[in-house]
């Protein structure tokens, strides 16, 4: 299998995932009376998040399989970065409100 074959497989699978997201959103949320423009926005957000997570997991798995780092190192680093992200939001919101904010 060539790189081009894998790129085509990825594109086809991505399109299939988009179709699945659209179907589920329309059938789960349309029944709640959400307008079509909002359903479209939700679909684009869900597809973007799913794609980013899939790409991230694939890269991590590849690097772990090659022995570049362990699963424990991956999760520790992932937790460290999420703590930093939470702290950035705490700082921004604290500045906006003029008082110290601590998030979950």
PDB file of N, CA and C in Angstrom:
ATOM      1  N   UNK A   1       0.853  -1.171   0.000  1.00  0.00           N
ATOM      2  CA  UNK A   1       0.000   0.000   0.000  1.00  0.00           C
ATOM      3  C   UNK A   1       0.902   1.239   0.000  1.00  0.00           C
ATOM      4  N   UNK A   2       0.571   2.225  -0.822  1.00  0.00           N
ATOM      5  CA  UNK A   2       1.380   3.436  -0.940  1.00  0.00           C
ATOM      6  C   UNK A   2       0.858   4.530  -0.005  1.00  0.00           C
ATOM      7  N   UNK A   3       1.646   5.589   0.129  1.00  0.00           N
ATOM      8  CA  UNK A   3       1.212   6.752   0.909  1.00  0.00           C
ATOM      9  C   UNK A   3      -0.067   7.321   0.307  1.00  0.00           C
ATOM     10  N   UNK A   4      -0.136   7.374  -1.002  1.00  0.00           N
ATOM     11  CA  UNK A   4      -1.339   7.906  -1.661  1.00  0.00           C
ATOM     12  C   UNK A   4      -2.563   7.053  -1.333  1.00  0.00           C
ATOM     13  N   UNK A   5      -2.381   5.737  -1.283  1.00  0.00           N
ATOM     14  CA  UNK A   5      -3.485   4.848  -0.904  1.00  0.00           C
ATOM     15  C   UNK A   5      -3.966   5.163   0.514  1.00  0.00           C
ATOM     16  N   UNK A   6      -3.005   5.362   1.430  1.00  0.00           N
ATOM     17  CA  UNK A   6      -3.374   5.671   2.812  1.00  0.00           C
ATOM     18  C   UNK A   6      -4.052   7.035   2.919  1.00  0.00           C
ATOM     19  N   UNK A   7      -3.599   8.000   2.133  1.00  0.00           N
ATOM     20  CA  UNK A   7      -4.247   9.319   2.131  1.00  0.00           C
ATOM     21  C   UNK A   7      -5.693   9.203   1.650  1.00  0.00           C
ATOM     22  N   UNK A   8      -5.911   8.381   0.640  1.00  0.00           N
ATOM     23  CA  UNK A   8      -7.277   8.168   0.133  1.00  0.00           C
ATOM     24  C   UNK A   8      -8.128   7.446   1.172  1.00  0.00           C
ATOM     25  N   UNK A   9      -7.548   6.438   1.841  1.00  0.00           N
ATOM     26  CA  UNK A   9      -8.283   5.728   2.907  1.00  0.00           C
ATOM     27  C   UNK A   9      -8.670   6.680   4.026  1.00  0.00           C
ATOM     28  N   UNK A  10      -7.723   7.548   4.407  1.00  0.00           N
ATOM     29  CA  UNK A  10      -7.992   8.538   5.458  1.00  0.00           C
ATOM     30  C   UNK A  10      -9.140   9.460   5.028  1.00  0.00           C
ATOM     31  N   UNK A  11      -9.061   9.980   3.816  1.00  0.00           N
ATOM     32  CA  UNK A  11     -10.098  10.878   3.317  1.00  0.00           C
ATOM     33  C   UNK A  11     -11.460  10.213   3.260  1.00  0.00           C
ATOM     34  N   UNK A  12     -11.487   8.979   2.804  1.00  0.00           N
ATOM     35  CA  UNK A  12     -12.758   8.249   2.732  1.00  0.00           C
ATOM     36  C   UNK A  12     -13.316   7.982   4.126  1.00  0.00           C
ATOM     37  N   UNK A  13     -12.444   7.607   5.053  1.00  0.00           N
ATOM     38  CA  UNK A  13     -12.897   7.352   6.417  1.00  0.00           C
ATOM     39  C   UNK A  13     -13.359   8.648   7.084  1.00  0.00           C
ATOM     40  N   UNK A  14     -12.656   9.746   6.826  1.00  0.00           N
ATOM     41  CA  UNK A  14     -13.057  11.046   7.372  1.00  0.00           C
ATOM     42  C   UNK A  14     -14.437  11.435   6.860  1.00  0.00           C
ATOM     43  N   UNK A  15     -14.659  11.253   5.573  1.00  0.00           N
ATOM     44  CA  UNK A  15     -15.969  11.561   5.000  1.00  0.00           C
ATOM     45  C   UNK A  15     -17.048  10.676   5.634  1.00  0.00           C
ATOM     46  N   UNK A  16     -16.745   9.406   5.830  1.00  0.00           N
ATOM     47  CA  UNK A  16     -17.692   8.506   6.477  1.00  0.00           C
ATOM     48  C   UNK A  16     -18.008   8.948   7.901  1.00  0.00           C
ATOM     49  N   UNK A  17     -16.968   9.377   8.635  1.00  0.00           N
ATOM     50  CA  UNK A  17     -17.186   9.866   9.995  1.00  0.00           C
ATOM     51  C   UNK A  17     -18.060  11.112   9.975  1.00  0.00           C
ATOM     52  N   UNK A  18     -17.820  12.019   9.014  1.00  0.00           N
ATOM     53  CA  UNK A  18     -18.647  13.228   8.892  1.00  0.00           C
ATOM     54  C   UNK A  18     -20.107  12.856   8.666  1.00  0.00           C
ATOM     55  N   UNK A  19     -20.331  11.887   7.813  1.00  0.00           N
ATOM     56  CA  UNK A  19     -21.701  11.443   7.534  1.00  0.00           C
ATOM     57  C   UNK A  19     -22.343  10.849   8.784  1.00  0.00           C
ATOM     58  N   UNK A  20     -21.569  10.080   9.539  1.00  0.00           N
ATOM     59  CA  UNK A  20     -22.080   9.501  10.775  1.00  0.00           C
ATOM     60  C   UNK A  20     -22.424  10.566  11.805  1.00  0.00           C
ATOM     61  N   UNK A  21     -21.561  11.572  11.935  1.00  0.00           N
ATOM     62  CA  UNK A  21     -21.820  12.675  12.867  1.00  0.00           C
ATOM     63  C   UNK A  21     -23.091  13.407  12.460  1.00  0.00           C
ATOM     64  N   UNK A  22     -23.220  13.690  11.175  1.00  0.00           N
ATOM     65  CA  UNK A  22     -24.411  14.412  10.696  1.00  0.00           C
ATOM     66  C   UNK A  22     -25.683  13.615  10.983  1.00  0.00           C
ATOM     67  N   UNK A  23     -25.642  12.334  10.687  1.00  0.00           N
ATOM     68  CA  UNK A  23     -26.816  11.497  10.928  1.00  0.00           C
ATOM     69  C   UNK A  23     -27.211  11.504  12.401  1.00  0.00           C
ATOM     70  N   UNK A  24     -26.223  11.280  13.272  1.00  0.00           N
ATOM     71  CA  UNK A  24     -26.533  11.223  14.697  1.00  0.00           C
ATOM     72  C   UNK A  24     -27.028  12.559  15.228  1.00  0.00           C
ATOM     73  N   UNK A  25     -26.390  13.653  14.826  1.00  0.00           N
ATOM     74  CA  UNK A  25     -26.844  14.970  15.278  1.00  0.00           C
ATOM     75  C   UNK A  25     -28.269  15.247  14.818  1.00  0.00           C
ATOM     76  N   UNK A  26     -28.537  14.963  13.564  1.00  0.00           N
ATOM     77  CA  UNK A  26     -29.882  15.231  13.042  1.00  0.00           C
ATOM     78  C   UNK A  26     -30.930  14.387  13.747  1.00  0.00           C
ATOM     79  N   UNK A  27     -30.594  13.161  14.064  1.00  0.00           N
ATOM     80  CA  UNK A  27     -31.569  12.272  14.686  1.00  0.00           C
ATOM     81  C   UNK A  27     -31.657  12.443  16.195  1.00  0.00           C
ATOM     82  N   UNK A  28     -30.579  12.881  16.831  1.00  0.00           N
ATOM     83  CA  UNK A  28     -30.606  13.088  18.274  1.00  0.00           C
ATOM     84  C   UNK A  28     -31.083  14.486  18.638  1.00  0.00           C
ATOM     85  N   UNK A  29     -30.589  15.490  17.908  1.00  0.00           N
ATOM     86  CA  UNK A  29     -30.856  16.871  18.302  1.00  0.00           C
ATOM     87  C   UNK A  29     -31.992  17.514  17.514  1.00  0.00           C
ATOM     88  N   UNK A  30     -32.218  17.068  16.293  1.00  0.00           N
ATOM     89  CA  UNK A  30     -33.282  17.662  15.495  1.00  0.00           C
ATOM     90  C   UNK A  30     -34.632  17.461  16.180  1.00  0.00           C
ATOM     91  N   UNK A  31     -34.748  16.361  16.896  1.00  0.00           N
ATOM     92  CA  UNK A  31     -35.988  16.083  17.622  1.00  0.00           C
ATOM     93  C   UNK A  31     -36.221  17.090  18.740  1.00  0.00           C
ATOM     94  N   UNK A  32     -35.184  17.848  19.107  1.00  0.00           N
ATOM     95  CA  UNK A  32     -35.323  18.860  20.147  1.00  0.00           C
ATOM     96  C   UNK A  32     -35.641  20.227  19.541  1.00  0.00           C
ATOM     97  N   UNK A  33     -35.832  20.271  18.236  1.00  0.00           N
ATOM     98  CA  UNK A  33     -36.228  21.507  17.582  1.00  0.00           C
ATOM     99  C   UNK A  33     -35.105  22.492  17.320  1.00  0.00           C
ATOM    100  N   UNK A  34     -33.852  22.036  17.299  1.00  0.00           N
ATOM    101  CA  UNK A  34     -32.744  22.944  17.016  1.00  0.00           C
ATOM    102  C   UNK A  34     -32.770  23.346  15.545  1.00  0.00           C
ATOM    103  N   UNK A  35     -32.484  24.612  15.244  1.00  0.00           N
ATOM    104  CA  UNK A  35     -32.505  25.062  13.853  1.00  0.00           C
ATOM    105  C   UNK A  35     -31.352  24.460  13.045  1.00  0.00           C
ATOM    106  N   UNK A  36     -31.573  24.312  11.760  1.00  0.00           N
ATOM    107  CA  UNK A  36     -30.586  23.715  10.849  1.00  0.00           C
ATOM    108  C   UNK A  36     -29.221  24.411  10.914  1.00  0.00           C
ATOM    109  N   UNK A  37     -29.157  25.760  10.939  1.00  0.00           N
ATOM    110  CA  UNK A  37     -27.823  26.391  11.016  1.00  0.00           C
ATOM    111  C   UNK A  37     -27.039  25.969  12.264  1.00  0.00           C
ATOM    112  N   UNK A  38     -27.707  25.806  13.385  1.00  0.00           N
ATOM    113  CA  UNK A  38     -27.027  25.362  14.598  1.00  0.00           C
ATOM    114  C   UNK A  38     -26.565  23.917  14.466  1.00  0.00           C
ATOM    115  N   UNK A  39     -27.383  23.079  13.854  1.00  0.00           N
ATOM    116  CA  UNK A  39     -26.979  21.685  13.629  1.00  0.00           C
ATOM    117  C   UNK A  39     -25.731  21.620  12.747  1.00  0.00           C
ATOM    118  N   UNK A  40     -25.646  22.508  11.741  1.00  0.00           N
ATOM    119  CA  UNK A  40     -24.467  22.536  10.865  1.00  0.00           C
ATOM    120  C   UNK A  40     -23.219  22.930  11.647  1.00  0.00           C
ATOM    121  N   UNK A  41     -23.351  23.942  12.504  1.00  0.00           N
ATOM    122  CA  UNK A  41     -22.214  24.373  13.322  1.00  0.00           C
ATOM    123  C   UNK A  41     -21.774  23.247  14.253  1.00  0.00           C
ATOM    124  N   UNK A  42     -22.731  22.601  14.893  1.00  0.00           N
ATOM    125  CA  UNK A  42     -22.400  21.487  15.788  1.00  0.00           C
ATOM    126  C   UNK A  42     -21.709  20.366  15.033  1.00  0.00           C
ATOM    127  N   UNK A  43     -22.149  20.088  13.806  1.00  0.00           N
ATOM    128  CA  UNK A  43     -21.521  19.041  12.999  1.00  0.00           C
ATOM    129  C   UNK A  43     -20.066  19.396  12.719  1.00  0.00           C
ATOM    130  N   UNK A  44     -19.805  20.639  12.318  1.00  0.00           N
ATOM    131  CA  UNK A  44     -18.437  21.048  12.008  1.00  0.00           C
ATOM    132  C   UNK A  44     -17.553  20.987  13.260  1.00  0.00           C
ATOM    133  N   UNK A  45     -18.094  21.396  14.399  1.00  0.00           N
ATOM    134  CA  UNK A  45     -17.320  21.323  15.634  1.00  0.00           C
ATOM    135  C   UNK A  45     -17.003  19.879  16.005  1.00  0.00           C
ATOM    136  N   UNK A  46     -18.006  19.003  15.942  1.00  0.00           N
ATOM    137  CA  UNK A  46     -17.811  17.599  16.304  1.00  0.00           C
ATOM    138  C   UNK A  46     -16.806  16.936  15.364  1.00  0.00           C
ATOM    139  N   UNK A  47     -16.909  17.195  14.067  1.00  0.00           N
ATOM    140  CA  UNK A  47     -15.978  16.597  13.100  1.00  0.00           C
ATOM    141  C   UNK A  47     -14.557  17.094  13.359  1.00  0.00           C
ATOM    142  N   UNK A  48     -14.406  18.384  13.646  1.00  0.00           N
ATOM    143  CA  UNK A  48     -13.083  18.933  13.931  1.00  0.00           C
ATOM    144  C   UNK A  48     -12.465  18.316  15.165  1.00  0.00           C
ATOM    145  N   UNK A  49     -13.258  18.190  16.214  1.00  0.00           N
ATOM    146  CA  UNK A  49     -12.757  17.594  17.456  1.00  0.00           C
ATOM    147  C   UNK A  49     -12.423  16.121  17.244  1.00  0.00           C
ATOM    148  N   UNK A  50     -13.328  15.380  16.595  1.00  0.00           N
ATOM    149  CA  UNK A  50     -13.070  13.961  16.341  1.00  0.00           C
ATOM    150  C   UNK A  50     -11.804  13.774  15.523  1.00  0.00           C
ATOM    151  N   UNK A  51     -11.606  14.609  14.498  1.00  0.00           N
ATOM    152  CA  UNK A  51     -10.427  14.500  13.638  1.00  0.00           C
ATOM    153  C   UNK A  51      -9.149  14.777  14.420  1.00  0.00           C
ATOM    154  N   UNK A  52      -9.163  15.845  15.213  1.00  0.00           N
ATOM    155  CA  UNK A  52      -7.973  16.201  15.988  1.00  0.00           C
ATOM    156  C   UNK A  52      -7.630  15.108  16.991  1.00  0.00           C
ATOM    157  N   UNK A  53      -8.640  14.585  17.677  1.00  0.00           N
ATOM    158  CA  UNK A  53      -8.382  13.524  18.648  1.00  0.00           C
ATOM    159  C   UNK A  53      -7.857  12.265  17.970  1.00  0.00           C
ATOM    160  N   UNK A  54      -8.438  11.908  16.847  1.00  0.00           N
ATOM    161  CA  UNK A  54      -7.998  10.719  16.126  1.00  0.00           C
ATOM    162  C   UNK A  54      -6.547  10.863  15.674  1.00  0.00           C
ATOM    163  N   UNK A  55      -6.207  12.032  15.136  1.00  0.00           N
ATOM    164  CA  UNK A  55      -4.838  12.277  14.682  1.00  0.00           C
ATOM    165  C   UNK A  55      -3.857  12.230  15.850  1.00  0.00           C
ATOM    166  N   UNK A  56      -4.250  12.812  16.981  1.00  0.00           N
ATOM    167  CA  UNK A  56      -3.392  12.843  18.161  1.00  0.00           C
ATOM    168  C   UNK A  56      -3.145  11.430  18.702  1.00  0.00           C
ATOM    169  N   UNK A  57      -4.209  10.642  18.791  1.00  0.00           N
ATOM    170  CA  UNK A  57      -4.083   9.274  19.292  1.00  0.00           C
ATOM    171  C   UNK A  57      -3.228   8.430  18.341  1.00  0.00           C
ATOM    172  N   UNK A  58      -3.423   8.616  17.040  1.00  0.00           N
ATOM    173  CA  UNK A  58      -2.641   7.856  16.060  1.00  0.00           C
ATOM    174  C   UNK A  58      -1.149   8.162  16.189  1.00  0.00           C
ATOM    175  N   UNK A  59      -0.822   9.443  16.341  1.00  0.00           N
ATOM    176  CA  UNK A  59       0.580   9.830  16.485  1.00  0.00           C
ATOM    177  C   UNK A  59       1.166   9.262  17.777  1.00  0.00           C
ATOM    178  N   UNK A  60       0.434   9.381  18.877  1.00  0.00           N
ATOM    179  CA  UNK A  60       0.918   8.849  20.150  1.00  0.00           C
ATOM    180  C   UNK A  60       1.131   7.346  20.064  1.00  0.00           C
ATOM    181  N   UNK A  61       0.183   6.618  19.457  1.00  0.00           N
ATOM    182  CA  UNK A  61       0.313   5.161  19.328  1.00  0.00           C
ATOM    183  C   UNK A  61       1.539   4.794  18.497  1.00  0.00           C
ATOM    184  N   UNK A  62       1.734   5.499  17.392  1.00  0.00           N
ATOM    185  CA  UNK A  62       2.886   5.235  16.538  1.00  0.00           C
ATOM    186  C   UNK A  62       4.191   5.434  17.307  1.00  0.00           C
ATOM    187  N   UNK A  63       4.301   6.525  18.032  1.00  0.00           N
ATOM    188  CA  UNK A  63       5.526   6.808  18.776  1.00  0.00           C
ATOM    189  C   UNK A  63       5.740   5.830  19.932  1.00  0.00           C
ATOM    190  N   UNK A  64       4.645   5.428  20.593  1.00  0.00           N
ATOM    191  CA  UNK A  64       4.776   4.422  21.658  1.00  0.00           C
ATOM    192  C   UNK A  64       5.180   3.075  21.068  1.00  0.00           C
ATOM    193  N   UNK A  65       4.580   2.705  19.938  1.00  0.00           N
ATOM    194  CA  UNK A  65       4.931   1.437  19.293  1.00  0.00           C
ATOM    195  C   UNK A  65       6.397   1.407  18.884  1.00  0.00           C
ATOM    196  N   UNK A  66       6.955   2.565  18.558  1.00  0.00           N
ATOM    197  CA  UNK A  66       8.362   2.640  18.171  1.00  0.00           C
ATOM    198  C   UNK A  66       9.284   2.752  19.379  1.00  0.00           C
ATOM    199  N   UNK A  67       8.697   2.796  20.572  1.00  0.00           N
ATOM    200  CA  UNK A  67       9.486   2.835  21.795  1.00  0.00           C
ATOM    201  C   UNK A  67      10.063   4.194  22.143  1.00  0.00           C
ATOM    202  N   UNK A  68       9.529   5.263  21.563  1.00  0.00           N
ATOM    203  CA  UNK A  68      10.063   6.593  21.847  1.00  0.00           C
ATOM    204  C   UNK A  68       9.616   7.129  23.195  1.00  0.00           C
ATOM    205  N   UNK A  69       8.463   6.673  23.659  1.00  0.00           N
ATOM    206  CA  UNK A  69       8.018   6.981  25.019  1.00  0.00           C
ATOM    207  C   UNK A  69       6.994   5.950  25.435  1.00  0.00           C
ATOM    208  N   UNK A  70       6.743   5.899  26.746  1.00  0.00           N
ATOM    209  CA  UNK A  70       5.813   4.905  27.281  1.00  0.00           C
ATOM    210  C   UNK A  70       4.414   5.511  27.415  1.00  0.00           C
ATOM    211  N   UNK A  71       3.451   4.642  27.638  1.00  0.00           N
ATOM    212  CA  UNK A  71       2.076   5.095  27.858  1.00  0.00           C
ATOM    213  C   UNK A  71       1.999   5.955  29.116  1.00  0.00           C
ATOM    214  N   UNK A  72       2.746   5.571  30.152  1.00  0.00           N
ATOM    215  CA  UNK A  72       2.758   6.342  31.398  1.00  0.00           C
ATOM    216  C   UNK A  72       3.318   7.747  31.165  1.00  0.00           C
ATOM    217  N   UNK A  73       4.394   7.844  30.384  1.00  0.00           N
ATOM    218  CA  UNK A  73       4.967   9.163  30.073  1.00  0.00           C
ATOM    219  C   UNK A  73       3.977  10.007  29.268  1.00  0.00           C
ATOM    220  N   UNK A  74       3.267   9.369  28.349  1.00  0.00           N
ATOM    221  CA  UNK A  74       2.283  10.075  27.529  1.00  0.00           C
ATOM    222  C   UNK A  74       1.186  10.672  28.405  1.00  0.00           C
ATOM    223  N   UNK A  75       0.617   9.862  29.311  1.00  0.00           N
ATOM    224  CA  UNK A  75      -0.487  10.356  30.132  1.00  0.00           C
ATOM    225  C   UNK A  75      -0.023  11.399  31.148  1.00  0.00           C
ATOM    226  N   UNK A  76       1.211  11.263  31.664  1.00  0.00           N
ATOM    227  CA  UNK A  76       1.735  12.274  32.574  1.00  0.00           C
ATOM    228  C   UNK A  76       1.876  13.606  31.842  1.00  0.00           C
ATOM    229  N   UNK A  77       2.444  13.568  30.664  1.00  0.00           N
ATOM    230  CA  UNK A  77       2.636  14.792  29.888  1.00  0.00           C
ATOM    231  C   UNK A  77       1.299  15.390  29.479  1.00  0.00           C
ATOM    232  N   UNK A  78       0.363  14.540  29.104  1.00  0.00           N
ATOM    233  CA  UNK A  78      -0.973  15.004  28.732  1.00  0.00           C
ATOM    234  C   UNK A  78      -1.625  15.715  29.928  1.00  0.00           C
ATOM    235  N   UNK A  79      -1.529  15.134  31.114  1.00  0.00           N
ATOM    236  CA  UNK A  79      -2.096  15.746  32.319  1.00  0.00           C
ATOM    237  C   UNK A  79      -1.397  17.071  32.629  1.00  0.00           C
ATOM    238  N   UNK A  80      -0.062  17.093  32.511  1.00  0.00           N
ATOM    239  CA  UNK A  80       0.692  18.328  32.765  1.00  0.00           C
ATOM    240  C   UNK A  80       0.212  19.464  31.857  1.00  0.00           C
ATOM    241  N   UNK A  81       0.033  19.175  30.579  1.00  0.00           N
ATOM    242  CA  UNK A  81      -0.392  20.202  29.639  1.00  0.00           C
ATOM    243  C   UNK A  81      -1.828  20.646  29.885  1.00  0.00           C
ATOM    244  N   UNK A  82      -2.698  19.722  30.313  1.00  0.00           N
ATOM    245  CA  UNK A  82      -4.078  20.106  30.600  1.00  0.00           C
ATOM    246  C   UNK A  82      -4.141  20.993  31.840  1.00  0.00           C
ATOM    247  N   UNK A  83      -3.302  20.720  32.835  1.00  0.00           N
ATOM    248  CA  UNK A  83      -3.232  21.582  34.012  1.00  0.00           C
ATOM    249  C   UNK A  83      -2.805  22.987  33.589  1.00  0.00           C
ATOM    250  N   UNK A  84      -1.811  23.085  32.711  1.00  0.00           N
ATOM    251  CA  UNK A  84      -1.375  24.392  32.219  1.00  0.00           C
ATOM    252  C   UNK A  84      -2.503  25.121  31.482  1.00  0.00           C
ATOM    253  N   UNK A  85      -3.250  24.381  30.692  1.00  0.00           N
ATOM    254  CA  UNK A  85      -4.366  24.976  29.945  1.00  0.00           C
ATOM    255  C   UNK A  85      -5.434  25.505  30.908  1.00  0.00           C
ATOM    256  N   UNK A  86      -5.756  24.719  31.926  1.00  0.00           N
ATOM    257  CA  UNK A  86      -6.733  25.155  32.938  1.00  0.00           C
ATOM    258  C   UNK A  86      -6.244  26.411  33.634  1.00  0.00           C
ATOM    259  N   UNK A  87      -4.962  26.453  33.980  1.00  0.00           N
ATOM    260  CA  UNK A  87      -4.397  27.615  34.662  1.00  0.00           C
ATOM    261  C   UNK A  87      -4.435  28.864  33.785  1.00  0.00           C
ATOM    262  N   UNK A  88      -4.249  28.695  32.469  1.00  0.00           N
ATOM    263  CA  UNK A  88      -4.362  29.844  31.554  1.00  0.00           C
ATOM    264  C   UNK A  88      -5.779  30.415  31.595  1.00  0.00           C
ATOM    265  N   UNK A  89      -6.771  29.535  31.605  1.00  0.00           N
ATOM    266  CA  UNK A  89      -8.160  30.007  31.685  1.00  0.00           C
ATOM    267  C   UNK A  89      -8.433  30.669  33.029  1.00  0.00           C
ATOM    268  N   UNK A  90      -7.910  30.113  34.096  1.00  0.00           N
ATOM    269  CA  UNK A  90      -8.095  30.729  35.412  1.00  0.00           C
ATOM    270  C   UNK A  90      -7.518  32.141  35.440  1.00  0.00           C
ATOM    271  N   UNK A  91      -6.330  32.321  34.852  1.00  0.00           N
ATOM    272  CA  UNK A  91      -5.696  33.638  34.825  1.00  0.00           C
ATOM    273  C   UNK A  91      -6.519  34.623  33.990  1.00  0.00           C
ATOM    274  N   UNK A  92      -6.954  34.188  32.806  1.00  0.00           N
ATOM    275  CA  UNK A  92      -7.721  35.086  31.936  1.00  0.00           C
ATOM    276  C   UNK A  92      -9.043  35.494  32.578  1.00  0.00           C
ATOM    277  N   UNK A  93      -9.742  34.546  33.162  1.00  0.00           N
ATOM    278  CA  UNK A  93     -11.042  34.828  33.779  1.00  0.00           C
ATOM    279  C   UNK A  93     -10.845  35.673  35.040  1.00  0.00           C
ATOM    280  N   UNK A  94      -9.788  35.398  35.806  1.00  0.00           N
ATOM    281  CA  UNK A  94      -9.501  36.183  37.002  1.00  0.00           C
ATOM    282  C   UNK A  94      -9.244  37.642  36.640  1.00  0.00           C
ATOM    283  N   UNK A  95      -8.484  37.868  35.563  1.00  0.00           N
ATOM    284  CA  UNK A  95      -8.229  39.240  35.109  1.00  0.00           C
ATOM    285  C   UNK A  95      -9.516  39.913  34.662  1.00  0.00           C
ATOM    286  N   UNK A  96     -10.333  39.183  33.954  1.00  0.00           N
ATOM    287  CA  UNK A  96     -11.591  39.734  33.451  1.00  0.00           C
ATOM    288  C   UNK A  96     -12.531  40.122  34.594  1.00  0.00           C
ATOM    289  N   UNK A  97     -12.600  39.280  35.627  1.00  0.00           N
ATOM    290  CA  UNK A  97     -13.524  39.515  36.737  1.00  0.00           C
ATOM    291  C   UNK A  97     -12.913  40.346  37.866  1.00  0.00           C
ATOM    292  N   UNK A  98     -11.596  40.485  37.871  1.00  0.00           N
ATOM    293  CA  UNK A  98     -10.930  41.255  38.920  1.00  0.00           C
ATOM    294  C   UNK A  98     -10.874  40.521  40.259  1.00  0.00           C
ATOM    295  N   UNK A  99     -10.996  39.212  40.234  1.00  0.00           N
ATOM    296  CA  UNK A  99     -10.864  38.414  41.451  1.00  0.00           C
ATOM    297  C   UNK A  99     -10.340  37.031  41.063  1.00  0.00           C
ATOM    298  N   UNK A 100      -9.790  36.329  42.017  1.00  0.00           N
ATOM    299  CA  UNK A 100      -9.191  35.025  41.753  1.00  0.00           C
ATOM    300  C   UNK A 100     -10.284  33.984  41.469  1.00  0.00           C
ATOM    301  N   UNK A 101     -10.096  33.296  40.369  1.00  0.00           N
ATOM    302  CA  UNK A 101     -11.030  32.242  39.964  1.00  0.00           C
ATOM    303  C   UNK A 101     -10.273  30.928  39.922  1.00  0.00           C
ATOM    304  N   UNK A 102     -10.860  29.898  40.501  1.00  0.00           N
ATOM    305  CA  UNK A 102     -10.302  28.545  40.435  1.00  0.00           C
ATOM    306  C   UNK A 102     -11.324  27.664  39.739  1.00  0.00           C
ATOM    307  N   UNK A 103     -10.898  27.031  38.668  1.00  0.00           N
ATOM    308  CA  UNK A 103     -11.784  26.156  37.888  1.00  0.00           C
ATOM    309  C   UNK A 103     -11.593  24.715  38.322  1.00  0.00           C
ATOM    310  N   UNK A 104     -12.696  24.003  38.450  1.00  0.00           N
ATOM    311  CA  UNK A 104     -12.744  22.578  38.794  1.00  0.00           C
ATOM    312  C   UNK A 104     -11.483  21.999  39.122  1.00  0.00           C
TER     313      UNK A 104
END
